[in-house]
Amino acid sequence: MKSIRKYVNNSNGQSVVFLLLLLTLMVGFAALAIDIGQLYANKTNMQNVVDAAALAGAQDLPNTATAKSTALNYAVLNGADSSGITTTAPYDGDNKQIEVTYTQTVSYSFAHVLGISSRDVTVRAVAESKSYWDGDALPFVNLDDSYSGGDEIVAWEKTGPGDFESVTRGSGQGQYQIFNDNDPDKAYIKVDYKNGIMLKKGTVATVKQEVGYIYERNKDTYTYVFSLKQDVMDSGKVLLTDGTKRKLSKLKNHDMVDPSQLILLECIFHDYDYKGKTLYLTVVDDYDIYNGESPSNYVGVEGGNGKLVQ
């Protein structure tokens, strides 16, 4: 400071102005560095908010309306301004994913010296549903039997012309896969139900062995099978994923039943007719998986409730 005062005392007015400008810039850049640090701290906090909100919303998928509401509420509870939150579900055409974006105007404390008052910051997160119940079930869908608690239902039975309540086998949406198919102790079937269930016409006897493994292994424990909701069966029509409605008696091969029409039944095996390829099940409980319900005593083959994908 002594050197600066000496310079000022020995300099003309032009030098003094230059020095004052230089000092102003130095103070301004130092202030800007402080504000940038605060900006990144705010951005990190905002990112944590959208990450948590997206994961919370993903637990309600594929019910996109509920998922978006949950994500928004979760973000607000964590300090976000609702006016800056945008939720998108389905995301990129996938109703198993939800995107949450958060835009906030961050005011600078010191950078006003440089004429910079604020900056808009936007963060985003995309989460994918991976519910507690991940789709492990028998490869059938009940189309006609009432499932009130304690009722016996029959699966894999003929309910119409060429219709034996079977699901299509494959690795695509609405289909099922068999894992460890030659191991009686480890064989299981996983149904990709999140986007609906694809029906397969015909008796489909190719799963007889694997269903037998599951029957023998799970006689005293729970098993799961999909069903149309009771009001859907009562109406005689089912909504397909293409938006059309089809009479139950007119269902076709590879029709994709909309997930909103489905319910998950928790059952106990009553009997399995190997020759007739018919399953007799006693219903213990039912779960509206479309609206986020799932068996509390089942963690699924993969487990977990959701994951961030972006």
C-alpha atoms as a PDB file:
ATOM      1  CA  MET A   1       0.000   0.000   0.000  1.00  0.00           C
ATOM      2  CA  LYS A   2       2.912   2.363   0.677  1.00  0.00           C
ATOM      3  CA  SER A   3       4.163   1.708  -2.845  1.00  0.00           C
ATOM      4  CA  ILE A   4       0.738   2.408  -4.290  1.00  0.00           C
ATOM      5  CA  ARG A   5       0.373   5.653  -2.312  1.00  0.00           C
ATOM      6  CA  LYS A   6       3.850   6.701  -3.440  1.00  0.00           C
ATOM      7  CA  TYR A   7       2.935   5.917  -7.048  1.00  0.00           C
ATOM      8  CA  VAL A   8      -0.274   7.912  -6.781  1.00  0.00           C
ATOM      9  CA  ASN A   9       1.481  10.888  -5.177  1.00  0.00           C
ATOM     10  CA  ASN A  10       4.143  10.918  -7.887  1.00  0.00           C
ATOM     11  CA  SER A  11       1.837  10.299 -10.848  1.00  0.00           C
ATOM     12  CA  ASN A  12      -0.349  12.541 -12.913  1.00  0.00           C
ATOM     13  CA  GLY A  13      -4.138  12.272 -13.019  1.00  0.00           C
ATOM     14  CA  GLN A  14      -4.173   9.855 -15.994  1.00  0.00           C
ATOM     15  CA  SER A  15      -2.101   7.298 -14.119  1.00  0.00           C
ATOM     16  CA  VAL A  16      -4.354   7.602 -11.111  1.00  0.00           C
ATOM     17  CA  VAL A  17      -7.404   6.833 -13.228  1.00  0.00           C
ATOM     18  CA  PHE A  18      -5.632   3.853 -14.780  1.00  0.00           C
ATOM     19  CA  LEU A  19      -4.677   2.525 -11.368  1.00  0.00           C
ATOM     20  CA  LEU A  20      -8.179   2.886 -10.045  1.00  0.00           C
ATOM     21  CA  LEU A  21      -9.536   0.993 -13.046  1.00  0.00           C
ATOM     22  CA  LEU A  22      -6.956  -1.716 -12.519  1.00  0.00           C
ATOM     23  CA  LEU A  23      -7.867  -2.053  -8.849  1.00  0.00           C
ATOM     24  CA  THR A  24     -11.569  -2.203  -9.767  1.00  0.00           C
ATOM     25  CA  LEU A  25     -10.924  -5.022 -12.248  1.00  0.00           C
ATOM     26  CA  MET A  26      -8.834  -6.937  -9.727  1.00  0.00           C
ATOM     27  CA  VAL A  27     -11.579  -6.667  -7.122  1.00  0.00           C
ATOM     28  CA  GLY A  28     -14.181  -7.584  -9.736  1.00  0.00           C
ATOM     29  CA  PHE A  29     -12.386 -10.721 -10.892  1.00  0.00           C
ATOM     30  CA  ALA A  30     -11.787 -11.810  -7.312  1.00  0.00           C
ATOM     31  CA  ALA A  31     -15.484 -11.308  -6.609  1.00  0.00           C
ATOM     32  CA  LEU A  32     -16.412 -13.206  -9.779  1.00  0.00           C
ATOM     33  CA  ALA A  33     -14.294 -16.154  -8.642  1.00  0.00           C
ATOM     34  CA  ILE A  34     -16.196 -16.218  -5.349  1.00  0.00           C
ATOM     35  CA  ASP A  35     -19.543 -16.043  -7.152  1.00  0.00           C
ATOM     36  CA  ILE A  36     -18.572 -18.821  -9.589  1.00  0.00           C
ATOM     37  CA  GLY A  37     -17.683 -21.039  -6.652  1.00  0.00           C
ATOM     38  CA  GLN A  38     -21.072 -20.335  -5.137  1.00  0.00           C
ATOM     39  CA  LEU A  39     -22.707 -20.971  -8.514  1.00  0.00           C
ATOM     40  CA  TYR A  40     -21.230 -24.460  -8.769  1.00  0.00           C
ATOM     41  CA  ALA A  41     -22.199 -25.189  -5.178  1.00  0.00           C
ATOM     42  CA  ASN A  42     -25.806 -24.255  -6.036  1.00  0.00           C
ATOM     43  CA  LYS A  43     -25.661 -26.375  -9.188  1.00  0.00           C
ATOM     44  CA  THR A  44     -24.469 -29.391  -7.212  1.00  0.00           C
ATOM     45  CA  ASN A  45     -27.331 -28.961  -4.761  1.00  0.00           C
ATOM     46  CA  MET A  46     -29.820 -28.597  -7.624  1.00  0.00           C
ATOM     47  CA  GLN A  47     -28.471 -31.782  -9.238  1.00  0.00           C
ATOM     48  CA  ASN A  48     -28.954 -33.686  -5.996  1.00  0.00           C
ATOM     49  CA  VAL A  49     -32.557 -32.454  -5.889  1.00  0.00           C
ATOM     50  CA  VAL A  50     -33.422 -33.619  -9.434  1.00  0.00           C
ATOM     51  CA  ASP A  51     -31.618 -36.946  -8.958  1.00  0.00           C
ATOM     52  CA  ALA A  52     -33.688 -37.695  -5.865  1.00  0.00           C
ATOM     53  CA  ALA A  53     -36.903 -36.438  -7.492  1.00  0.00           C
ATOM     54  CA  ALA A  54     -36.411 -38.575 -10.604  1.00  0.00           C
ATOM     55  CA  LEU A  55     -35.723 -41.693  -8.522  1.00  0.00           C
ATOM     56  CA  ALA A  56     -38.809 -41.021  -6.399  1.00  0.00           C
ATOM     57  CA  GLY A  57     -40.975 -40.578  -9.490  1.00  0.00           C
ATOM     58  CA  ALA A  58     -39.581 -43.707 -11.134  1.00  0.00           C
ATOM     59  CA  GLN A  59     -41.042 -45.842  -8.362  1.00  0.00           C
ATOM     60  CA  ASP A  60     -44.550 -44.964  -9.578  1.00  0.00           C
ATOM     61  CA  LEU A  61     -43.926 -45.815 -13.234  1.00  0.00           C
ATOM     62  CA  PRO A  62     -45.474 -46.866 -15.552  1.00  0.00           C
ATOM     63  CA  ASN A  63     -48.256 -44.681 -14.107  1.00  0.00           C
ATOM     64  CA  THR A  64     -46.798 -41.547 -15.650  1.00  0.00           C
ATOM     65  CA  ALA A  65     -49.268 -39.061 -14.136  1.00  0.00           C
ATOM     66  CA  THR A  66     -48.558 -40.267 -10.603  1.00  0.00           C
ATOM     67  CA  ALA A  67     -44.819 -40.455 -11.306  1.00  0.00           C
ATOM     68  CA  LYS A  68     -44.674 -36.819 -12.448  1.00  0.00           C
ATOM     69  CA  SER A  69     -46.665 -35.636  -9.437  1.00  0.00           C
ATOM     70  CA  THR A  70     -44.422 -37.582  -7.058  1.00  0.00           C
ATOM     71  CA  ALA A  71     -41.255 -36.195  -8.659  1.00  0.00           C
ATOM     72  CA  LEU A  72     -42.510 -32.605  -8.456  1.00  0.00           C
ATOM     73  CA  ASN A  73     -43.599 -32.951  -4.828  1.00  0.00           C
ATOM     74  CA  TYR A  74     -40.297 -34.548  -3.886  1.00  0.00           C
ATOM     75  CA  ALA A  75     -38.334 -31.728  -5.530  1.00  0.00           C
ATOM     76  CA  VAL A  76     -40.365 -29.053  -3.707  1.00  0.00           C
ATOM     77  CA  LEU A  77     -39.923 -30.843  -0.384  1.00  0.00           C
ATOM     78  CA  ASN A  78     -36.176 -30.658  -0.981  1.00  0.00           C
ATOM     79  CA  GLY A  79     -36.228 -26.914  -1.474  1.00  0.00           C
ATOM     80  CA  ALA A  80     -36.875 -26.495  -5.194  1.00  0.00           C
ATOM     81  CA  ASP A  81     -39.146 -23.779  -6.581  1.00  0.00           C
ATOM     82  CA  SER A  82     -41.998 -25.580  -8.325  1.00  0.00           C
ATOM     83  CA  SER A  83     -42.055 -22.982 -11.124  1.00  0.00           C
ATOM     84  CA  GLY A  84     -38.592 -24.109 -12.191  1.00  0.00           C
ATOM     85  CA  ILE A  85     -39.342 -27.848 -12.242  1.00  0.00           C
ATOM     86  CA  THR A  86     -40.360 -29.737 -15.388  1.00  0.00           C
ATOM     87  CA  THR A  87     -41.227 -33.436 -15.321  1.00  0.00           C
ATOM     88  CA  THR A  88     -41.504 -35.533 -18.478  1.00  0.00           C
ATOM     89  CA  ALA A  89     -42.927 -39.058 -18.543  1.00  0.00           C
ATOM     90  CA  PRO A  90     -42.878 -41.104 -20.639  1.00  0.00           C
ATOM     91  CA  TYR A  91     -39.382 -39.907 -21.498  1.00  0.00           C
ATOM     92  CA  ASP A  92     -38.172 -40.465 -25.047  1.00  0.00           C
ATOM     93  CA  GLY A  93     -41.199 -42.691 -25.658  1.00  0.00           C
ATOM     94  CA  ASP A  94     -40.338 -45.053 -22.777  1.00  0.00           C
ATOM     95  CA  ASN A  95     -42.940 -45.212 -20.011  1.00  0.00           C
ATOM     96  CA  LYS A  96     -40.377 -46.841 -17.726  1.00  0.00           C
ATOM     97  CA  GLN A  97     -38.376 -43.586 -17.675  1.00  0.00           C
ATOM     98  CA  ILE A  98     -38.953 -40.100 -16.279  1.00  0.00           C
ATOM     99  CA  GLU A  99     -36.953 -36.899 -16.801  1.00  0.00           C
ATOM    100  CA  VAL A 100     -36.802 -34.081 -14.242  1.00  0.00           C
ATOM    101  CA  THR A 101     -35.287 -30.690 -15.136  1.00  0.00           C
ATOM    102  CA  TYR A 102     -34.749 -27.776 -12.779  1.00  0.00           C
ATOM    103  CA  THR A 103     -33.964 -24.228 -13.886  1.00  0.00           C
ATOM    104  CA  GLN A 104     -33.076 -21.572 -11.331  1.00  0.00           C
ATOM    105  CA  THR A 105     -31.833 -17.983 -11.629  1.00  0.00           C
ATOM    106  CA  VAL A 106     -28.766 -17.653  -9.401  1.00  0.00           C
ATOM    107  CA  SER A 107     -27.930 -14.082  -8.345  1.00  0.00           C
ATOM    108  CA  TYR A 108     -24.318 -12.982  -8.035  1.00  0.00           C
ATOM    109  CA  SER A 109     -23.238 -11.268  -4.836  1.00  0.00           C
ATOM    110  CA  PHE A 110     -20.098  -9.422  -5.989  1.00  0.00           C
ATOM    111  CA  ALA A 111     -19.937  -9.671  -9.768  1.00  0.00           C
ATOM    112  CA  HIS A 112     -22.191  -6.623 -10.162  1.00  0.00           C
ATOM    113  CA  VAL A 113     -18.902  -4.690 -10.345  1.00  0.00           C
ATOM    114  CA  LEU A 114     -18.409  -6.247 -13.786  1.00  0.00           C
ATOM    115  CA  GLY A 115     -22.021  -5.686 -14.819  1.00  0.00           C
ATOM    116  CA  ILE A 116     -23.038  -9.338 -14.240  1.00  0.00           C
ATOM    117  CA  SER A 117     -26.039  -9.684 -11.956  1.00  0.00           C
ATOM    118  CA  SER A 118     -27.245 -13.309 -12.368  1.00  0.00           C
ATOM    119  CA  ARG A 119     -27.184 -16.488 -14.416  1.00  0.00           C
ATOM    120  CA  ASP A 120     -29.758 -19.170 -15.264  1.00  0.00           C
ATOM    121  CA  VAL A 121     -28.669 -22.666 -14.267  1.00  0.00           C
ATOM    122  CA  THR A 122     -30.385 -25.827 -15.566  1.00  0.00           C
ATOM    123  CA  VAL A 123     -29.819 -29.385 -14.386  1.00  0.00           C
ATOM    124  CA  ARG A 124     -31.583 -32.610 -15.348  1.00  0.00           C
ATOM    125  CA  ALA A 125     -31.836 -36.270 -14.414  1.00  0.00           C
ATOM    126  CA  VAL A 126     -33.448 -39.292 -16.047  1.00  0.00           C
ATOM    127  CA  ALA A 127     -34.420 -42.283 -13.926  1.00  0.00           C
ATOM    128  CA  GLU A 128     -35.737 -45.667 -14.950  1.00  0.00           C
ATOM    129  CA  SER A 129     -38.238 -47.734 -13.044  1.00  0.00           C
ATOM    130  CA  LYS A 130     -36.965 -50.937 -11.514  1.00  0.00           C
ATOM    131  CA  SER A 131     -39.608 -51.870  -9.005  1.00  0.00           C
ATOM    132  CA  TYR A 132     -39.342 -54.133  -5.971  1.00  0.00           C
ATOM    133  CA  TRP A 133     -41.252 -56.687  -7.999  1.00  0.00           C
ATOM    134  CA  ASP A 134     -39.298 -56.941 -11.243  1.00  0.00           C
ATOM    135  CA  GLY A 135     -41.508 -59.225 -13.333  1.00  0.00           C
ATOM    136  CA  ASP A 136     -40.738 -62.784 -12.226  1.00  0.00           C
ATOM    137  CA  ALA A 137     -44.034 -64.639 -12.851  1.00  0.00           C
ATOM    138  CA  LEU A 138     -45.717 -67.544 -14.575  1.00  0.00           C
ATOM    139  CA  PRO A 139     -46.014 -66.896 -18.328  1.00  0.00           C
ATOM    140  CA  PHE A 140     -49.808 -66.639 -18.319  1.00  0.00           C
ATOM    141  CA  VAL A 141     -52.469 -63.996 -17.900  1.00  0.00           C
ATOM    142  CA  ASN A 142     -55.843 -64.766 -16.318  1.00  0.00           C
ATOM    143  CA  LEU A 143     -58.559 -63.606 -18.696  1.00  0.00           C
ATOM    144  CA  ASP A 144     -61.777 -64.883 -17.157  1.00  0.00           C
ATOM    145  CA  ASP A 145     -61.641 -66.022 -13.503  1.00  0.00           C
ATOM    146  CA  SER A 146     -62.646 -63.811 -10.568  1.00  0.00           C
ATOM    147  CA  TYR A 147     -59.662 -63.353  -8.277  1.00  0.00           C
ATOM    148  CA  SER A 148     -61.291 -62.278  -5.000  1.00  0.00           C
ATOM    149  CA  GLY A 149     -59.198 -63.264  -1.996  1.00  0.00           C
ATOM    150  CA  GLY A 150     -59.232 -67.009  -1.457  1.00  0.00           C
ATOM    151  CA  ASP A 151     -60.755 -67.822  -4.836  1.00  0.00           C
ATOM    152  CA  GLU A 152     -59.291 -70.526  -6.992  1.00  0.00           C
ATOM    153  CA  ILE A 153     -58.363 -69.549 -10.520  1.00  0.00           C
ATOM    154  CA  VAL A 154     -57.346 -71.748 -13.413  1.00  0.00           C
ATOM    155  CA  ALA A 155     -54.451 -70.641 -15.587  1.00  0.00           C
ATOM    156  CA  TRP A 156     -53.378 -71.943 -18.983  1.00  0.00           C
ATOM    157  CA  GLU A 157     -56.934 -72.965 -19.776  1.00  0.00           C
ATOM    158  CA  LYS A 158     -58.849 -72.431 -22.997  1.00  0.00           C
ATOM    159  CA  THR A 159     -60.917 -69.249 -22.789  1.00  0.00           C
ATOM    160  CA  GLY A 160     -61.700 -68.703 -26.467  1.00  0.00           C
ATOM    161  CA  PRO A 161     -60.846 -69.864 -29.984  1.00  0.00           C
ATOM    162  CA  GLY A 162     -57.167 -70.839 -29.745  1.00  0.00           C
ATOM    163  CA  ASP A 163     -56.712 -68.750 -26.602  1.00  0.00           C
ATOM    164  CA  PHE A 164     -55.014 -70.465 -23.670  1.00  0.00           C
ATOM    165  CA  GLU A 165     -54.085 -67.374 -21.621  1.00  0.00           C
ATOM    166  CA  SER A 166     -50.437 -67.551 -22.670  1.00  0.00           C
ATOM    167  CA  VAL A 167     -47.851 -64.768 -22.906  1.00  0.00           C
ATOM    168  CA  THR A 168     -45.488 -64.523 -25.885  1.00  0.00           C
ATOM    169  CA  ARG A 169     -41.974 -65.820 -25.334  1.00  0.00           C
ATOM    170  CA  GLY A 170     -39.039 -63.606 -26.333  1.00  0.00           C
ATOM    171  CA  SER A 171     -36.799 -60.781 -25.134  1.00  0.00           C
ATOM    172  CA  GLY A 172     -38.975 -57.878 -26.300  1.00  0.00           C
ATOM    173  CA  GLN A 173     -41.529 -55.725 -24.528  1.00  0.00           C
ATOM    174  CA  GLY A 174     -44.486 -57.609 -23.124  1.00  0.00           C
ATOM    175  CA  GLN A 175     -42.771 -60.981 -23.502  1.00  0.00           C
ATOM    176  CA  TYR A 176     -41.190 -63.460 -21.121  1.00  0.00           C
ATOM    177  CA  GLN A 177     -37.815 -65.153 -20.834  1.00  0.00           C
ATOM    178  CA  ILE A 178     -36.831 -68.391 -19.096  1.00  0.00           C
ATOM    179  CA  PHE A 179     -33.585 -68.506 -17.139  1.00  0.00           C
ATOM    180  CA  ASN A 180     -31.742 -71.664 -16.008  1.00  0.00           C
ATOM    181  CA  ASP A 181     -34.327 -73.648 -17.941  1.00  0.00           C
ATOM    182  CA  ASN A 182     -32.648 -77.000 -17.356  1.00  0.00           C
ATOM    183  CA  ASP A 183     -32.054 -76.532 -13.634  1.00  0.00           C
ATOM    184  CA  PRO A 184     -35.014 -77.623 -11.438  1.00  0.00           C
ATOM    185  CA  ASP A 185     -33.614 -75.669  -8.480  1.00  0.00           C
ATOM    186  CA  LYS A 186     -32.903 -72.384 -10.231  1.00  0.00           C
ATOM    187  CA  ALA A 187     -35.272 -72.098 -13.191  1.00  0.00           C
ATOM    188  CA  TYR A 188     -37.382 -68.954 -13.191  1.00  0.00           C
ATOM    189  CA  ILE A 189     -39.448 -66.957 -15.645  1.00  0.00           C
ATOM    190  CA  LYS A 190     -39.299 -63.186 -15.999  1.00  0.00           C
ATOM    191  CA  VAL A 191     -42.088 -61.235 -17.673  1.00  0.00           C
ATOM    192  CA  ASP A 192     -41.387 -57.781 -19.125  1.00  0.00           C
ATOM    193  CA  TYR A 193     -44.755 -56.299 -18.155  1.00  0.00           C
ATOM    194  CA  LYS A 194     -43.936 -52.583 -17.817  1.00  0.00           C
ATOM    195  CA  ASN A 195     -45.169 -51.694 -21.306  1.00  0.00           C
ATOM    196  CA  GLY A 196     -47.986 -54.239 -21.367  1.00  0.00           C
ATOM    197  CA  ILE A 197     -48.245 -57.970 -22.007  1.00  0.00           C
ATOM    198  CA  MET A 198     -48.177 -59.602 -25.449  1.00  0.00           C
ATOM    199  CA  LEU A 199     -50.632 -62.477 -25.841  1.00  0.00           C
ATOM    200  CA  LYS A 200     -49.786 -65.749 -27.568  1.00  0.00           C
ATOM    201  CA  LYS A 201     -52.482 -67.870 -29.174  1.00  0.00           C
ATOM    202  CA  GLY A 202     -52.304 -71.650 -28.928  1.00  0.00           C
ATOM    203  CA  THR A 203     -51.529 -74.144 -26.168  1.00  0.00           C
ATOM    204  CA  VAL A 204     -47.801 -73.234 -25.967  1.00  0.00           C
ATOM    205  CA  ALA A 205     -46.635 -76.526 -24.484  1.00  0.00           C
ATOM    206  CA  THR A 206     -42.939 -75.574 -24.644  1.00  0.00           C
ATOM    207  CA  VAL A 207     -42.923 -74.256 -21.059  1.00  0.00           C
ATOM    208  CA  LYS A 208     -44.347 -77.438 -19.531  1.00  0.00           C
ATOM    209  CA  GLN A 209     -41.015 -78.536 -18.008  1.00  0.00           C
ATOM    210  CA  GLU A 210     -40.072 -75.161 -16.540  1.00  0.00           C
ATOM    211  CA  VAL A 211     -43.550 -74.540 -15.108  1.00  0.00           C
ATOM    212  CA  GLY A 212     -43.276 -77.988 -13.528  1.00  0.00           C
ATOM    213  CA  TYR A 213     -39.962 -77.026 -11.918  1.00  0.00           C
ATOM    214  CA  ILE A 214     -41.525 -73.896 -10.422  1.00  0.00           C
ATOM    215  CA  TYR A 215     -44.584 -75.843  -9.264  1.00  0.00           C
ATOM    216  CA  GLU A 216     -42.553 -78.524  -7.494  1.00  0.00           C
ATOM    217  CA  ARG A 217     -40.263 -75.945  -5.895  1.00  0.00           C
ATOM    218  CA  ASN A 218     -42.939 -73.446  -4.840  1.00  0.00           C
ATOM    219  CA  LYS A 219     -45.761 -75.663  -3.600  1.00  0.00           C
ATOM    220  CA  ASP A 220     -45.526 -74.181  -0.108  1.00  0.00           C
ATOM    221  CA  THR A 221     -44.582 -70.629  -1.093  1.00  0.00           C
ATOM    222  CA  TYR A 222     -45.997 -67.848  -3.214  1.00  0.00           C
ATOM    223  CA  THR A 223     -45.995 -67.649  -6.968  1.00  0.00           C
ATOM    224  CA  TYR A 224     -47.217 -64.844  -9.216  1.00  0.00           C
ATOM    225  CA  VAL A 225     -49.382 -64.594 -12.283  1.00  0.00           C
ATOM    226  CA  PHE A 226     -50.849 -61.665 -14.178  1.00  0.00           C
ATOM    227  CA  SER A 227     -54.571 -61.109 -14.618  1.00  0.00           C
ATOM    228  CA  LEU A 228     -56.880 -58.647 -16.248  1.00  0.00           C
ATOM    229  CA  LYS A 229     -58.424 -56.365 -13.639  1.00  0.00           C
ATOM    230  CA  GLN A 230     -61.848 -57.460 -12.462  1.00  0.00           C
ATOM    231  CA  ASP A 231     -63.642 -54.466 -13.987  1.00  0.00           C
ATOM    232  CA  VAL A 232     -61.921 -55.131 -17.314  1.00  0.00           C
ATOM    233  CA  MET A 233     -63.111 -58.748 -17.328  1.00  0.00           C
ATOM    234  CA  ASP A 234     -66.592 -57.633 -16.317  1.00  0.00           C
ATOM    235  CA  SER A 235     -66.726 -55.172 -19.234  1.00  0.00           C
ATOM    236  CA  GLY A 236     -65.826 -57.871 -21.778  1.00  0.00           C
ATOM    237  CA  LYS A 237     -63.346 -55.556 -23.501  1.00  0.00           C
ATOM    238  CA  VAL A 238     -59.656 -54.832 -22.993  1.00  0.00           C
ATOM    239  CA  LEU A 239     -57.575 -51.774 -23.908  1.00  0.00           C
ATOM    240  CA  LEU A 240     -54.559 -52.510 -26.095  1.00  0.00           C
ATOM    241  CA  THR A 241     -51.359 -50.454 -26.202  1.00  0.00           C
ATOM    242  CA  ASP A 242     -52.262 -49.072 -29.630  1.00  0.00           C
ATOM    243  CA  GLY A 243     -55.256 -47.326 -28.034  1.00  0.00           C
ATOM    244  CA  THR A 244     -57.922 -49.638 -29.426  1.00  0.00           C
ATOM    245  CA  LYS A 245     -60.291 -51.820 -27.432  1.00  0.00           C
ATOM    246  CA  ARG A 246     -60.821 -55.484 -28.246  1.00  0.00           C
ATOM    247  CA  LYS A 247     -63.532 -57.881 -27.099  1.00  0.00           C
ATOM    248  CA  LEU A 248     -62.053 -60.617 -24.953  1.00  0.00           C
ATOM    249  CA  SER A 249     -63.523 -63.185 -27.309  1.00  0.00           C
ATOM    250  CA  LYS A 250     -61.766 -61.506 -30.257  1.00  0.00           C
ATOM    251  CA  LEU A 251     -58.213 -61.276 -28.930  1.00  0.00           C
ATOM    252  CA  LYS A 252     -55.565 -61.996 -31.554  1.00  0.00           C
ATOM    253  CA  ASN A 253     -52.072 -63.399 -31.593  1.00  0.00           C
ATOM    254  CA  HIS A 254     -49.525 -60.816 -30.384  1.00  0.00           C
ATOM    255  CA  ASP A 255     -52.155 -58.366 -29.146  1.00  0.00           C
ATOM    256  CA  MET A 256     -50.431 -56.161 -26.554  1.00  0.00           C
ATOM    257  CA  VAL A 257     -52.579 -55.566 -23.466  1.00  0.00           C
ATOM    258  CA  ASP A 258     -52.109 -52.084 -22.011  1.00  0.00           C
ATOM    259  CA  PRO A 259     -50.450 -52.175 -18.535  1.00  0.00           C
ATOM    260  CA  SER A 260     -53.335 -50.159 -17.047  1.00  0.00           C
ATOM    261  CA  GLN A 261     -55.560 -53.211 -17.620  1.00  0.00           C
ATOM    262  CA  LEU A 262     -53.379 -55.579 -15.579  1.00  0.00           C
ATOM    263  CA  ILE A 263     -53.127 -56.651 -11.982  1.00  0.00           C
ATOM    264  CA  LEU A 264     -50.620 -58.967 -10.322  1.00  0.00           C
ATOM    265  CA  LEU A 265     -51.953 -61.941  -8.366  1.00  0.00           C
ATOM    266  CA  GLU A 266     -50.039 -63.501  -5.509  1.00  0.00           C
ATOM    267  CA  CYS A 267     -51.032 -67.165  -5.401  1.00  0.00           C
ATOM    268  CA  ILE A 268     -50.364 -70.551  -3.897  1.00  0.00           C
ATOM    269  CA  PHE A 269     -50.286 -73.616  -6.144  1.00  0.00           C
ATOM    270  CA  HIS A 270     -53.291 -75.827  -5.646  1.00  0.00           C
ATOM    271  CA  ASP A 271     -52.475 -78.353  -8.360  1.00  0.00           C
ATOM    272  CA  TYR A 272     -50.756 -78.744 -11.719  1.00  0.00           C
ATOM    273  CA  ASP A 273     -52.169 -81.031 -14.387  1.00  0.00           C
ATOM    274  CA  TYR A 274     -49.037 -81.937 -16.345  1.00  0.00           C
ATOM    275  CA  LYS A 275     -50.943 -83.805 -19.022  1.00  0.00           C
ATOM    276  CA  GLY A 276     -53.628 -81.196 -19.537  1.00  0.00           C
ATOM    277  CA  LYS A 277     -51.143 -78.324 -19.093  1.00  0.00           C
ATOM    278  CA  THR A 278     -53.445 -76.616 -16.604  1.00  0.00           C
ATOM    279  CA  LEU A 279     -52.580 -74.756 -13.390  1.00  0.00           C
ATOM    280  CA  TYR A 280     -54.877 -74.449 -10.391  1.00  0.00           C
ATOM    281  CA  LEU A 281     -54.024 -71.524  -8.126  1.00  0.00           C
ATOM    282  CA  THR A 282     -55.483 -70.084  -4.936  1.00  0.00           C
ATOM    283  CA  VAL A 283     -55.326 -66.297  -4.847  1.00  0.00           C
ATOM    284  CA  VAL A 284     -53.821 -64.819  -1.670  1.00  0.00           C
ATOM    285  CA  ASP A 285     -53.635 -61.150  -2.629  1.00  0.00           C
ATOM    286  CA  ASP A 286     -53.664 -58.816  -5.606  1.00  0.00           C
ATOM    287  CA  TYR A 287     -51.488 -55.798  -6.449  1.00  0.00           C
ATOM    288  CA  ASP A 288     -52.267 -52.899  -8.744  1.00  0.00           C
ATOM    289  CA  ILE A 289     -48.767 -52.743 -10.176  1.00  0.00           C
ATOM    290  CA  TYR A 290     -49.767 -50.048 -12.670  1.00  0.00           C
ATOM    291  CA  ASN A 291     -50.354 -47.721  -9.722  1.00  0.00           C
ATOM    292  CA  GLY A 292     -47.194 -48.685  -7.881  1.00  0.00           C
ATOM    293  CA  GLU A 293     -48.365 -51.528  -5.622  1.00  0.00           C
ATOM    294  CA  SER A 294     -46.043 -54.505  -5.171  1.00  0.00           C
ATOM    295  CA  PRO A 295     -45.684 -57.501  -2.836  1.00  0.00           C
ATOM    296  CA  SER A 296     -43.893 -56.375   0.329  1.00  0.00           C
ATOM    297  CA  ASN A 297     -42.428 -59.828   0.925  1.00  0.00           C
ATOM    298  CA  TYR A 298     -40.875 -60.099  -2.531  1.00  0.00           C
ATOM    299  CA  VAL A 299     -37.649 -58.422  -3.611  1.00  0.00           C
ATOM    300  CA  GLY A 300     -37.580 -59.795  -7.128  1.00  0.00           C
ATOM    301  CA  VAL A 301     -34.820 -61.436  -9.113  1.00  0.00           C
ATOM    302  CA  GLU A 302     -32.861 -58.217  -9.532  1.00  0.00           C
ATOM    303  CA  GLY A 303     -34.161 -56.068  -6.652  1.00  0.00           C
ATOM    304  CA  GLY A 304     -33.878 -52.291  -6.244  1.00  0.00           C
ATOM    305  CA  ASN A 305     -36.470 -49.543  -6.883  1.00  0.00           C
ATOM    306  CA  GLY A 306     -34.985 -47.489  -9.661  1.00  0.00           C
ATOM    307  CA  LYS A 307     -31.783 -46.274 -11.226  1.00  0.00           C
ATOM    308  CA  LEU A 308     -30.450 -43.104 -12.778  1.00  0.00           C
ATOM    309  CA  VAL A 309     -29.716 -43.538 -16.478  1.00  0.00           C
ATOM    310  CA  GLN A 310     -28.766 -39.938 -17.356  1.00  0.00           C
END
